Amino acid sequence: METKFDLKDRKILYELDKDARMPSSSIAKKVGLTPEGVNYRIKRFEKEGIITNYQLIVNLAKLGIFHFKIFLSFQHLNSEKLNEMITRLKKMEEVKWIVSSRGGWDLIITVETDSVESADEIKLKILGFFGNHIIKKSFSILVEAETYNRNFLIDGKNAINSRAVMKKDSIVELDELDMQILKNLTKNSRKSIVDLAEELKSTPRVINYRIKSLEKQNVILGYKIALGYEKLGIKFYKCLVYLGNINEKRISELVDYFVMHENIIHNVKVIGDWDYEPEFEVFSEEEFDKYLTDMKDKFSDLISKVDIITISKEHKFVYF
């Protein structure tokens, strides 16, 4: 069931998506409400499942993380058995994203680990969960990835707002406290410094310093929100873009198109059967069809095929 929300609701969600740690007092100044009014609406968003999580955006390249996706289609697998498998997957620390989907694939699983060897072990373990229920499978290895602001919430055009989740970069050595901070913020990136310090048996001054240092080193890239799509009437589409007639200039123009499109929230460059995985959030199928046609028309010389996946349910999503 969709929840009614007004322009001020959209603006609050937009500001939280840009920076989920932004104080309510700062949001209040931007949207024209009192801090109490902002807090009331945020609590309502949480209670009604409009905001499902406060996410931490981590530069995976800085941590030397190997990231890949598993795409699965099933046969002879009922919903009860599938839900049991998804529950098992959710408990795996290495699994960061699990979605049910419609189109060419039934389930998409994102995995993060520290080596190719470990990735192979995890892949085999996951495939073993489903056994002979798998009728088709495919894999994509992340090369580069960016996340973008949800400018469509306020009908805004994209400014330069990309944050590179994965791009070739120098690896940073972190100590145990740094890693504990990252893991804790992954569960709730809006958690206060005081609460973090108490949980990690440290002081607010130390925790604040460490977070600022992680931001300065570009390990922490930002803080976003996860949305309950059905509550907002948002439809989520993932495109698998196959390129042909390769031309570096045109590929650069295509990536710029992804960055500037207000309804594209992620783009991933991969090694796999396809080349890019842009993700759209829209309010209707007709809206998405318009954007898809526009992309194909503008890059008909470059794009050979686009497979469309409709994300029907997000079971788990953390960046790290």
C-alpha atoms as a PDB file:
ATOM      1  CA  MET A   1       0.000   0.000   0.000  1.00  0.00           C
ATOM      2  CA  GLU A   2       1.378   3.377  -1.045  1.00  0.00           C
ATOM      3  CA  THR A   3       1.832   6.126   1.540  1.00  0.00           C
ATOM      4  CA  LYS A   4       0.844   9.690   0.751  1.00  0.00           C
ATOM      5  CA  PHE A   5       3.724  12.132   0.983  1.00  0.00           C
ATOM      6  CA  ASP A   6       4.016  15.823   0.151  1.00  0.00           C
ATOM      7  CA  LEU A   7       6.833  18.026  -1.207  1.00  0.00           C
ATOM      8  CA  LYS A   8       8.336  18.570   2.236  1.00  0.00           C
ATOM      9  CA  ASP A   9       8.424  14.801   2.747  1.00  0.00           C
ATOM     10  CA  ARG A  10      10.250  14.466  -0.578  1.00  0.00           C
ATOM     11  CA  LYS A  11      12.709  17.191   0.371  1.00  0.00           C
ATOM     12  CA  ILE A  12      13.500  15.506   3.693  1.00  0.00           C
ATOM     13  CA  LEU A  13      14.075  12.181   1.957  1.00  0.00           C
ATOM     14  CA  TYR A  14      16.249  13.913  -0.641  1.00  0.00           C
ATOM     15  CA  GLU A  15      18.424  15.583   2.017  1.00  0.00           C
ATOM     16  CA  LEU A  16      18.770  12.335   3.976  1.00  0.00           C
ATOM     17  CA  ASP A  17      19.727  10.528   0.775  1.00  0.00           C
ATOM     18  CA  LYS A  18      22.472  13.091   0.156  1.00  0.00           C
ATOM     19  CA  ASP A  19      23.694  12.794   3.740  1.00  0.00           C
ATOM     20  CA  ALA A  20      21.912  10.454   6.141  1.00  0.00           C
ATOM     21  CA  ARG A  21      23.923  11.887   9.061  1.00  0.00           C
ATOM     22  CA  MET A  22      22.695  15.432   8.449  1.00  0.00           C
ATOM     23  CA  PRO A  23      21.260  16.839  11.708  1.00  0.00           C
ATOM     24  CA  SER A  24      17.521  17.479  11.812  1.00  0.00           C
ATOM     25  CA  SER A  25      18.240  21.139  12.529  1.00  0.00           C
ATOM     26  CA  SER A  26      20.128  21.473   9.215  1.00  0.00           C
ATOM     27  CA  ILE A  27      17.399  19.648   7.295  1.00  0.00           C
ATOM     28  CA  ALA A  28      14.795  21.907   8.914  1.00  0.00           C
ATOM     29  CA  LYS A  29      16.491  25.030   7.509  1.00  0.00           C
ATOM     30  CA  LYS A  30      16.556  23.529   4.020  1.00  0.00           C
ATOM     31  CA  VAL A  31      12.924  22.386   3.917  1.00  0.00           C
ATOM     32  CA  GLY A  32      11.223  25.144   5.927  1.00  0.00           C
ATOM     33  CA  LEU A  33      10.166  23.175   9.008  1.00  0.00           C
ATOM     34  CA  THR A  34      11.125  23.134  12.676  1.00  0.00           C
ATOM     35  CA  PRO A  35      13.640  20.503  13.857  1.00  0.00           C
ATOM     36  CA  GLU A  36      10.785  18.920  15.812  1.00  0.00           C
ATOM     37  CA  GLY A  37       8.701  18.774  12.637  1.00  0.00           C
ATOM     38  CA  VAL A  38      11.552  17.101  10.752  1.00  0.00           C
ATOM     39  CA  ASN A  39      12.097  14.571  13.538  1.00  0.00           C
ATOM     40  CA  TYR A  40       8.384  13.745  13.589  1.00  0.00           C
ATOM     41  CA  ARG A  41       8.370  13.067   9.850  1.00  0.00           C
ATOM     42  CA  ILE A  42      11.561  10.993   9.976  1.00  0.00           C
ATOM     43  CA  LYS A  43      10.078   8.836  12.751  1.00  0.00           C
ATOM     44  CA  ARG A  44       6.979   8.391  10.608  1.00  0.00           C
ATOM     45  CA  PHE A  45       9.109   7.375   7.621  1.00  0.00           C
ATOM     46  CA  GLU A  46      10.834   4.754   9.757  1.00  0.00           C
ATOM     47  CA  LYS A  47       7.609   3.452  11.314  1.00  0.00           C
ATOM     48  CA  GLU A  48       5.802   3.183   7.977  1.00  0.00           C
ATOM     49  CA  GLY A  49       8.748   1.505   6.226  1.00  0.00           C
ATOM     50  CA  ILE A  50       9.424   4.406   3.875  1.00  0.00           C
ATOM     51  CA  ILE A  51      13.012   4.501   5.169  1.00  0.00           C
ATOM     52  CA  THR A  52      14.184   0.916   5.680  1.00  0.00           C
ATOM     53  CA  ASN A  53      17.824   1.597   6.532  1.00  0.00           C
ATOM     54  CA  TYR A  54      20.485   4.292   6.841  1.00  0.00           C
ATOM     55  CA  GLN A  55      23.347   3.141   4.645  1.00  0.00           C
ATOM     56  CA  LEU A  56      27.078   3.717   4.719  1.00  0.00           C
ATOM     57  CA  ILE A  57      28.786   4.211   1.346  1.00  0.00           C
ATOM     58  CA  VAL A  58      32.284   2.737   1.473  1.00  0.00           C
ATOM     59  CA  ASN A  59      34.960   2.962  -1.213  1.00  0.00           C
ATOM     60  CA  LEU A  60      35.469  -0.773  -1.701  1.00  0.00           C
ATOM     61  CA  ALA A  61      38.629  -0.262  -3.769  1.00  0.00           C
ATOM     62  CA  LYS A  62      40.308   1.389  -0.763  1.00  0.00           C
ATOM     63  CA  LEU A  63      39.758  -1.830   1.187  1.00  0.00           C
ATOM     64  CA  GLY A  64      40.929  -4.206  -1.551  1.00  0.00           C
ATOM     65  CA  ILE A  65      37.511  -5.856  -1.807  1.00  0.00           C
ATOM     66  CA  PHE A  66      36.536  -8.227  -4.635  1.00  0.00           C
ATOM     67  CA  HIS A  67      32.891  -7.709  -5.597  1.00  0.00           C
ATOM     68  CA  PHE A  68      30.699  -9.833  -7.869  1.00  0.00           C
ATOM     69  CA  LYS A  69      27.049 -10.665  -8.588  1.00  0.00           C
ATOM     70  CA  ILE A  70      25.344 -14.012  -9.116  1.00  0.00           C
ATOM     71  CA  PHE A  71      22.234 -14.074 -11.340  1.00  0.00           C
ATOM     72  CA  LEU A  72      20.000 -17.151 -10.964  1.00  0.00           C
ATOM     73  CA  SER A  73      16.896 -18.579 -12.614  1.00  0.00           C
ATOM     74  CA  PHE A  74      15.115 -21.531 -10.999  1.00  0.00           C
ATOM     75  CA  GLN A  75      13.038 -24.578 -11.830  1.00  0.00           C
ATOM     76  CA  HIS A  76      10.840 -26.719  -9.543  1.00  0.00           C
ATOM     77  CA  LEU A  77      11.341 -24.343  -6.602  1.00  0.00           C
ATOM     78  CA  ASN A  78       8.310 -23.236  -4.583  1.00  0.00           C
ATOM     79  CA  SER A  79       8.125 -19.961  -2.655  1.00  0.00           C
ATOM     80  CA  GLU A  80       8.480 -21.585   0.764  1.00  0.00           C
ATOM     81  CA  LYS A  81      11.727 -23.306  -0.186  1.00  0.00           C
ATOM     82  CA  LEU A  82      13.019 -20.145  -1.883  1.00  0.00           C
ATOM     83  CA  ASN A  83      12.329 -18.075   1.231  1.00  0.00           C
ATOM     84  CA  GLU A  84      14.290 -20.602   3.297  1.00  0.00           C
ATOM     85  CA  MET A  85      17.261 -20.181   0.934  1.00  0.00           C
ATOM     86  CA  ILE A  86      17.018 -16.398   1.083  1.00  0.00           C
ATOM     87  CA  THR A  87      17.035 -16.537   4.894  1.00  0.00           C
ATOM     88  CA  ARG A  88      20.258 -18.569   4.734  1.00  0.00           C
ATOM     89  CA  LEU A  89      21.804 -16.102   2.290  1.00  0.00           C
ATOM     90  CA  LYS A  90      20.900 -13.106   4.480  1.00  0.00           C
ATOM     91  CA  LYS A  91      22.919 -14.601   7.336  1.00  0.00           C
ATOM     92  CA  MET A  92      26.088 -14.750   5.234  1.00  0.00           C
ATOM     93  CA  GLU A  93      28.379 -11.820   6.059  1.00  0.00           C
ATOM     94  CA  GLU A  94      29.826 -11.807   2.532  1.00  0.00           C
ATOM     95  CA  VAL A  95      26.399 -11.392   0.918  1.00  0.00           C
ATOM     96  CA  LYS A  96      25.524  -7.684   0.674  1.00  0.00           C
ATOM     97  CA  TRP A  97      22.551  -7.484  -1.702  1.00  0.00           C
ATOM     98  CA  ILE A  98      19.741  -9.960  -2.341  1.00  0.00           C
ATOM     99  CA  VAL A  99      16.763  -9.172  -4.572  1.00  0.00           C
ATOM    100  CA  SER A 100      13.916 -11.095  -6.115  1.00  0.00           C
ATOM    101  CA  SER A 101      13.312 -10.048  -9.697  1.00  0.00           C
ATOM    102  CA  ARG A 102      11.215 -10.531 -12.796  1.00  0.00           C
ATOM    103  CA  GLY A 103      12.561 -10.824 -16.316  1.00  0.00           C
ATOM    104  CA  GLY A 104      15.387 -13.129 -17.246  1.00  0.00           C
ATOM    105  CA  TRP A 105      16.407 -13.789 -13.636  1.00  0.00           C
ATOM    106  CA  ASP A 106      14.628 -14.813 -10.427  1.00  0.00           C
ATOM    107  CA  LEU A 107      17.278 -13.846  -7.855  1.00  0.00           C
ATOM    108  CA  ILE A 108      20.320 -11.569  -7.834  1.00  0.00           C
ATOM    109  CA  ILE A 109      22.977 -11.888  -5.136  1.00  0.00           C
ATOM    110  CA  THR A 110      25.903  -9.537  -4.532  1.00  0.00           C
ATOM    111  CA  VAL A 111      28.983 -10.861  -2.780  1.00  0.00           C
ATOM    112  CA  GLU A 112      32.043  -9.062  -1.363  1.00  0.00           C
ATOM    113  CA  THR A 113      35.225 -10.825  -0.312  1.00  0.00           C
ATOM    114  CA  ASP A 114      38.992 -10.337  -0.237  1.00  0.00           C
ATOM    115  CA  SER A 115      40.269 -12.569  -3.057  1.00  0.00           C
ATOM    116  CA  VAL A 116      39.365 -14.463  -6.221  1.00  0.00           C
ATOM    117  CA  GLU A 117      39.984 -17.742  -4.400  1.00  0.00           C
ATOM    118  CA  SER A 118      37.565 -16.826  -1.618  1.00  0.00           C
ATOM    119  CA  ALA A 119      35.039 -15.629  -4.196  1.00  0.00           C
ATOM    120  CA  ASP A 120      35.107 -19.029  -5.875  1.00  0.00           C
ATOM    121  CA  GLU A 121      34.489 -20.803  -2.557  1.00  0.00           C
ATOM    122  CA  ILE A 122      31.547 -18.529  -1.701  1.00  0.00           C
ATOM    123  CA  LYS A 123      30.097 -18.913  -5.195  1.00  0.00           C
ATOM    124  CA  LEU A 124      30.161 -22.702  -4.919  1.00  0.00           C
ATOM    125  CA  LYS A 125      28.591 -22.554  -1.458  1.00  0.00           C
ATOM    126  CA  ILE A 126      25.724 -20.378  -2.693  1.00  0.00           C
ATOM    127  CA  LEU A 127      25.127 -22.492  -5.781  1.00  0.00           C
ATOM    128  CA  GLY A 128      25.102 -25.526  -3.503  1.00  0.00           C
ATOM    129  CA  PHE A 129      22.149 -24.064  -1.583  1.00  0.00           C
ATOM    130  CA  PHE A 130      19.957 -24.341  -4.683  1.00  0.00           C
ATOM    131  CA  GLY A 131      21.370 -27.525  -6.247  1.00  0.00           C
ATOM    132  CA  ASN A 132      19.399 -28.800  -9.242  1.00  0.00           C
ATOM    133  CA  HIS A 133      16.809 -26.027  -8.853  1.00  0.00           C
ATOM    134  CA  ILE A 134      19.109 -23.765 -10.903  1.00  0.00           C
ATOM    135  CA  ILE A 135      18.143 -23.739 -14.567  1.00  0.00           C
ATOM    136  CA  LYS A 136      20.339 -20.794 -15.589  1.00  0.00           C
ATOM    137  CA  LYS A 137      23.127 -18.793 -13.961  1.00  0.00           C
ATOM    138  CA  SER A 138      25.446 -15.924 -14.827  1.00  0.00           C
ATOM    139  CA  PHE A 139      28.066 -13.815 -13.084  1.00  0.00           C
ATOM    140  CA  SER A 140      29.325 -10.259 -13.331  1.00  0.00           C
ATOM    141  CA  ILE A 141      32.509  -8.933 -11.705  1.00  0.00           C
ATOM    142  CA  LEU A 142      32.470  -5.317 -10.602  1.00  0.00           C
ATOM    143  CA  VAL A 143      35.130  -3.090 -12.196  1.00  0.00           C
ATOM    144  CA  GLU A 144      33.809   0.370 -11.317  1.00  0.00           C
ATOM    145  CA  ALA A 145      30.640   1.534  -9.587  1.00  0.00           C
ATOM    146  CA  GLU A 146      29.030   4.838  -8.704  1.00  0.00           C
ATOM    147  CA  THR A 147      25.977   5.874  -6.729  1.00  0.00           C
ATOM    148  CA  TYR A 148      24.034   9.067  -7.464  1.00  0.00           C
ATOM    149  CA  ASN A 149      21.719  11.367  -5.547  1.00  0.00           C
ATOM    150  CA  ARG A 150      17.979  10.754  -5.887  1.00  0.00           C
ATOM    151  CA  ASN A 151      17.302  14.069  -7.603  1.00  0.00           C
ATOM    152  CA  PHE A 152      14.016  12.780  -9.013  1.00  0.00           C
ATOM    153  CA  LEU A 153      12.504  13.127  -5.524  1.00  0.00           C
ATOM    154  CA  ILE A 154      12.485  16.894  -5.944  1.00  0.00           C
ATOM    155  CA  ASP A 155      12.261  16.973  -9.748  1.00  0.00           C
ATOM    156  CA  GLY A 156      15.829  18.225  -9.915  1.00  0.00           C
ATOM    157  CA  LYS A 157      18.439  17.665 -12.590  1.00  0.00           C
ATOM    158  CA  ASN A 158      21.640  15.911 -11.636  1.00  0.00           C
ATOM    159  CA  ALA A 159      24.509  18.135 -10.687  1.00  0.00           C
ATOM    160  CA  ILE A 160      27.900  16.527 -10.157  1.00  0.00           C
ATOM    161  CA  ASN A 161      26.829  14.154  -7.436  1.00  0.00           C
ATOM    162  CA  SER A 162      28.465  10.824  -8.146  1.00  0.00           C
ATOM    163  CA  ARG A 163      30.254   8.856  -5.446  1.00  0.00           C
ATOM    164  CA  ALA A 164      32.591   6.093  -6.612  1.00  0.00           C
ATOM    165  CA  VAL A 165      31.842   2.924  -4.675  1.00  0.00           C
ATOM    166  CA  MET A 166      34.562   1.110  -6.608  1.00  0.00           C
ATOM    167  CA  LYS A 167      37.268   2.639  -8.774  1.00  0.00           C
ATOM    168  CA  LYS A 168      40.971   1.834  -9.050  1.00  0.00           C
ATOM    169  CA  ASP A 169      42.579   3.362  -5.962  1.00  0.00           C
ATOM    170  CA  SER A 170      45.313   2.847  -3.401  1.00  0.00           C
ATOM    171  CA  ILE A 171      44.493   0.469  -0.549  1.00  0.00           C
ATOM    172  CA  VAL A 172      44.248   1.946   2.961  1.00  0.00           C
ATOM    173  CA  GLU A 173      45.302  -0.055   6.014  1.00  0.00           C
ATOM    174  CA  LEU A 174      42.692   0.168   8.782  1.00  0.00           C
ATOM    175  CA  ASP A 175      42.960  -0.951  12.393  1.00  0.00           C
ATOM    176  CA  GLU A 176      40.362  -2.842  14.398  1.00  0.00           C
ATOM    177  CA  LEU A 177      38.572   0.281  15.667  1.00  0.00           C
ATOM    178  CA  ASP A 178      38.251   1.690  12.132  1.00  0.00           C
ATOM    179  CA  MET A 179      36.723  -1.581  10.953  1.00  0.00           C
ATOM    180  CA  GLN A 180      34.363  -1.689  13.938  1.00  0.00           C
ATOM    181  CA  ILE A 181      33.199   1.841  13.123  1.00  0.00           C
ATOM    182  CA  LEU A 182      32.540   0.884   9.493  1.00  0.00           C
ATOM    183  CA  LYS A 183      30.676  -2.283  10.448  1.00  0.00           C
ATOM    184  CA  ASN A 184      28.599  -0.402  13.010  1.00  0.00           C
ATOM    185  CA  LEU A 185      27.702   2.427  10.641  1.00  0.00           C
ATOM    186  CA  THR A 186      26.772  -0.131   7.980  1.00  0.00           C
ATOM    187  CA  LYS A 187      23.910  -1.225  10.239  1.00  0.00           C
ATOM    188  CA  ASN A 188      22.762   2.363  10.861  1.00  0.00           C
ATOM    189  CA  SER A 189      24.759   5.231   9.381  1.00  0.00           C
ATOM    190  CA  ARG A 190      22.647   7.799  11.267  1.00  0.00           C
ATOM    191  CA  LYS A 191      23.685   6.457  14.671  1.00  0.00           C
ATOM    192  CA  SER A 192      24.989   9.214  16.940  1.00  0.00           C
ATOM    193  CA  ILE A 193      28.650   9.623  17.883  1.00  0.00           C
ATOM    194  CA  VAL A 194      27.712   9.154  21.545  1.00  0.00           C
ATOM    195  CA  ASP A 195      25.941   5.851  20.862  1.00  0.00           C
ATOM    196  CA  LEU A 196      28.814   4.648  18.684  1.00  0.00           C
ATOM    197  CA  ALA A 197      31.349   5.502  21.382  1.00  0.00           C
ATOM    198  CA  GLU A 198      29.341   3.656  24.012  1.00  0.00           C
ATOM    199  CA  GLU A 199      28.940   0.530  21.881  1.00  0.00           C
ATOM    200  CA  LEU A 200      32.602   0.486  20.845  1.00  0.00           C
ATOM    201  CA  LYS A 201      33.867   1.289  24.357  1.00  0.00           C
ATOM    202  CA  SER A 202      35.608   4.446  23.240  1.00  0.00           C
ATOM    203  CA  THR A 203      35.039   8.204  23.621  1.00  0.00           C
ATOM    204  CA  PRO A 204      32.946  10.480  21.395  1.00  0.00           C
ATOM    205  CA  ARG A 205      36.072  12.545  20.649  1.00  0.00           C
ATOM    206  CA  VAL A 206      38.003   9.515  19.381  1.00  0.00           C
ATOM    207  CA  ILE A 207      35.074   8.170  17.352  1.00  0.00           C
ATOM    208  CA  ASN A 208      34.423  11.548  15.754  1.00  0.00           C
ATOM    209  CA  TYR A 209      38.116  11.908  14.867  1.00  0.00           C
ATOM    210  CA  ARG A 210      38.221   8.429  13.335  1.00  0.00           C
ATOM    211  CA  ILE A 211      35.110   9.041  11.210  1.00  0.00           C
ATOM    212  CA  LYS A 212      36.518  12.355   9.946  1.00  0.00           C
ATOM    213  CA  SER A 213      39.782  10.576   9.123  1.00  0.00           C
ATOM    214  CA  LEU A 214      37.969   7.812   7.215  1.00  0.00           C
ATOM    215  CA  GLU A 215      36.076  10.484   5.254  1.00  0.00           C
ATOM    216  CA  LYS A 216      39.297  12.390   4.513  1.00  0.00           C
ATOM    217  CA  GLN A 217      40.948   9.209   3.219  1.00  0.00           C
ATOM    218  CA  ASN A 218      37.894   8.615   0.980  1.00  0.00           C
ATOM    219  CA  VAL A 219      37.165   5.316   2.695  1.00  0.00           C
ATOM    220  CA  ILE A 220      33.771   6.666   3.751  1.00  0.00           C
ATOM    221  CA  LEU A 221      32.177   8.350   0.728  1.00  0.00           C
ATOM    222  CA  GLY A 222      28.849   9.265   2.242  1.00  0.00           C
ATOM    223  CA  TYR A 223      25.626   8.174   3.887  1.00  0.00           C
ATOM    224  CA  LYS A 224      22.396   7.266   2.071  1.00  0.00           C
ATOM    225  CA  ILE A 225      18.958   5.879   2.829  1.00  0.00           C
ATOM    226  CA  ALA A 226      17.310   2.681   1.633  1.00  0.00           C
ATOM    227  CA  LEU A 227      13.682   3.160   0.623  1.00  0.00           C
ATOM    228  CA  GLY A 228      10.597   0.976   0.876  1.00  0.00           C
ATOM    229  CA  TYR A 229       9.728   1.172  -2.807  1.00  0.00           C
ATOM    230  CA  GLU A 230       6.159  -0.079  -2.522  1.00  0.00           C
ATOM    231  CA  LYS A 231       5.370   2.553   0.126  1.00  0.00           C
ATOM    232  CA  LEU A 232       6.370   5.348  -2.224  1.00  0.00           C
ATOM    233  CA  GLY A 233       5.011   3.831  -5.421  1.00  0.00           C
ATOM    234  CA  ILE A 234       8.536   3.627  -6.823  1.00  0.00           C
ATOM    235  CA  LYS A 235       9.435   0.978  -9.380  1.00  0.00           C
ATOM    236  CA  PHE A 236      13.020  -0.283  -9.518  1.00  0.00           C
ATOM    237  CA  TYR A 237      14.532  -1.471 -12.812  1.00  0.00           C
ATOM    238  CA  LYS A 238      18.008  -2.834 -13.452  1.00  0.00           C
ATOM    239  CA  CYS A 239      19.318  -2.765 -17.017  1.00  0.00           C
ATOM    240  CA  LEU A 240      21.980  -5.096 -18.386  1.00  0.00           C
ATOM    241  CA  VAL A 241      23.564  -3.091 -21.198  1.00  0.00           C
ATOM    242  CA  TYR A 242      25.487  -4.927 -23.919  1.00  0.00           C
ATOM    243  CA  LEU A 243      27.852  -2.812 -25.999  1.00  0.00           C
ATOM    244  CA  GLY A 244      28.853  -3.379 -29.618  1.00  0.00           C
ATOM    245  CA  ASN A 245      30.842  -1.302 -32.103  1.00  0.00           C
ATOM    246  CA  ILE A 246      33.132  -0.207 -29.223  1.00  0.00           C
ATOM    247  CA  ASN A 247      34.152   3.442 -29.273  1.00  0.00           C
ATOM    248  CA  GLU A 248      35.839   4.963 -26.197  1.00  0.00           C
ATOM    249  CA  LYS A 249      34.454   8.459 -26.808  1.00  0.00           C
ATOM    250  CA  ARG A 250      30.912   7.153 -27.105  1.00  0.00           C
ATOM    251  CA  ILE A 251      31.338   4.975 -24.005  1.00  0.00           C
ATOM    252  CA  SER A 252      32.455   8.056 -22.065  1.00  0.00           C
ATOM    253  CA  GLU A 253      29.366   9.904 -23.321  1.00  0.00           C
ATOM    254  CA  LEU A 254      27.154   7.002 -22.237  1.00  0.00           C
ATOM    255  CA  VAL A 255      28.641   7.054 -18.726  1.00  0.00           C
ATOM    256  CA  ASP A 256      28.082  10.832 -18.581  1.00  0.00           C
ATOM    257  CA  TYR A 257      24.466  10.170 -19.592  1.00  0.00           C
ATOM    258  CA  PHE A 258      24.103   7.800 -16.626  1.00  0.00           C
ATOM    259  CA  VAL A 259      25.596  10.391 -14.253  1.00  0.00           C
ATOM    260  CA  MET A 260      23.318  13.191 -15.392  1.00  0.00           C
ATOM    261  CA  HIS A 261      20.074  11.175 -15.510  1.00  0.00           C
ATOM    262  CA  GLU A 262      17.972  12.091 -12.475  1.00  0.00           C
ATOM    263  CA  ASN A 263      16.331   8.655 -12.272  1.00  0.00           C
ATOM    264  CA  ILE A 264      19.520   6.558 -12.407  1.00  0.00           C
ATOM    265  CA  ILE A 265      20.690   5.889  -8.840  1.00  0.00           C
ATOM    266  CA  HIS A 266      23.559   3.450  -9.499  1.00  0.00           C
ATOM    267  CA  ASN A 267      25.745   2.505 -12.417  1.00  0.00           C
ATOM    268  CA  VAL A 268      28.130  -0.435 -12.454  1.00  0.00           C
ATOM    269  CA  LYS A 269      30.787  -1.309 -15.012  1.00  0.00           C
ATOM    270  CA  VAL A 270      31.329  -5.059 -15.062  1.00  0.00           C
ATOM    271  CA  ILE A 271      33.226  -7.940 -16.589  1.00  0.00           C
ATOM    272  CA  GLY A 272      30.597 -10.416 -17.745  1.00  0.00           C
ATOM    273  CA  ASP A 273      28.260 -11.181 -20.624  1.00  0.00           C
ATOM    274  CA  TRP A 274      27.148  -7.529 -20.532  1.00  0.00           C
ATOM    275  CA  ASP A 275      29.099  -4.317 -19.862  1.00  0.00           C
ATOM    276  CA  TYR A 276      27.084  -1.893 -17.692  1.00  0.00           C
ATOM    277  CA  GLU A 277      24.310  -2.189 -15.109  1.00  0.00           C
ATOM    278  CA  PRO A 278      22.487   1.147 -14.688  1.00  0.00           C
ATOM    279  CA  GLU A 279      19.633   1.099 -12.152  1.00  0.00           C
ATOM    280  CA  PHE A 280      16.509   3.252 -12.493  1.00  0.00           C
ATOM    281  CA  GLU A 281      13.965   4.366  -9.897  1.00  0.00           C
ATOM    282  CA  VAL A 282      10.753   5.668 -11.464  1.00  0.00           C
ATOM    283  CA  PHE A 283       7.103   6.167 -10.557  1.00  0.00           C
ATOM    284  CA  SER A 284       5.576   4.248 -13.490  1.00  0.00           C
ATOM    285  CA  GLU A 285       6.327   1.691 -16.187  1.00  0.00           C
ATOM    286  CA  GLU A 286       5.494   4.316 -18.797  1.00  0.00           C
ATOM    287  CA  GLU A 287       8.115   6.653 -17.341  1.00  0.00           C
ATOM    288  CA  PHE A 288      10.754   3.923 -17.482  1.00  0.00           C
ATOM    289  CA  ASP A 289       9.812   3.012 -21.068  1.00  0.00           C
ATOM    290  CA  LYS A 290      10.351   6.653 -22.042  1.00  0.00           C
ATOM    291  CA  TYR A 291      13.810   6.723 -20.454  1.00  0.00           C
ATOM    292  CA  LEU A 292      14.768   3.361 -21.941  1.00  0.00           C
ATOM    293  CA  THR A 293      13.754   4.488 -25.435  1.00  0.00           C
ATOM    294  CA  ASP A 294      15.689   7.715 -24.999  1.00  0.00           C
ATOM    295  CA  MET A 295      18.845   5.846 -23.953  1.00  0.00           C
ATOM    296  CA  LYS A 296      18.588   3.408 -26.846  1.00  0.00           C
ATOM    297  CA  ASP A 297      17.933   6.185 -29.364  1.00  0.00           C
ATOM    298  CA  LYS A 298      20.828   8.363 -28.173  1.00  0.00           C
ATOM    299  CA  PHE A 299      23.280   5.445 -28.191  1.00  0.00           C
ATOM    300  CA  SER A 300      21.887   3.175 -30.915  1.00  0.00           C
ATOM    301  CA  ASP A 301      25.357   3.044 -32.508  1.00  0.00           C
ATOM    302  CA  LEU A 302      26.919   1.749 -29.277  1.00  0.00           C
ATOM    303  CA  ILE A 303      24.279  -0.346 -27.477  1.00  0.00           C
ATOM    304  CA  SER A 304      23.610  -3.711 -29.095  1.00  0.00           C
ATOM    305  CA  LYS A 305      21.084  -4.971 -26.535  1.00  0.00           C
ATOM    306  CA  VAL A 306      19.485  -4.128 -23.190  1.00  0.00           C
ATOM    307  CA  ASP A 307      17.999  -6.763 -20.895  1.00  0.00           C
ATOM    308  CA  ILE A 308      15.460  -5.419 -18.395  1.00  0.00           C
ATOM    309  CA  ILE A 309      15.126  -6.749 -14.864  1.00  0.00           C
ATOM    310  CA  THR A 310      12.305  -5.584 -12.610  1.00  0.00           C
ATOM    311  CA  ILE A 311      13.335  -5.685  -8.959  1.00  0.00           C
ATOM    312  CA  SER A 312      10.277  -6.953  -7.104  1.00  0.00           C
ATOM    313  CA  LYS A 313      11.682  -7.208  -3.564  1.00  0.00           C
ATOM    314  CA  GLU A 314      14.888  -6.205  -1.807  1.00  0.00           C
ATOM    315  CA  HIS A 315      15.718  -8.743   0.915  1.00  0.00           C
ATOM    316  CA  LYS A 316      19.069  -7.268   1.990  1.00  0.00           C
ATOM    317  CA  PHE A 317      21.149  -4.253   0.967  1.00  0.00           C
ATOM    318  CA  VAL A 318      24.322  -2.898   2.543  1.00  0.00           C
ATOM    319  CA  TYR A 319      27.312  -1.388   0.756  1.00  0.00           C
ATOM    320  CA  PHE A 320      29.840  -3.020   3.089  1.00  0.00           C
END
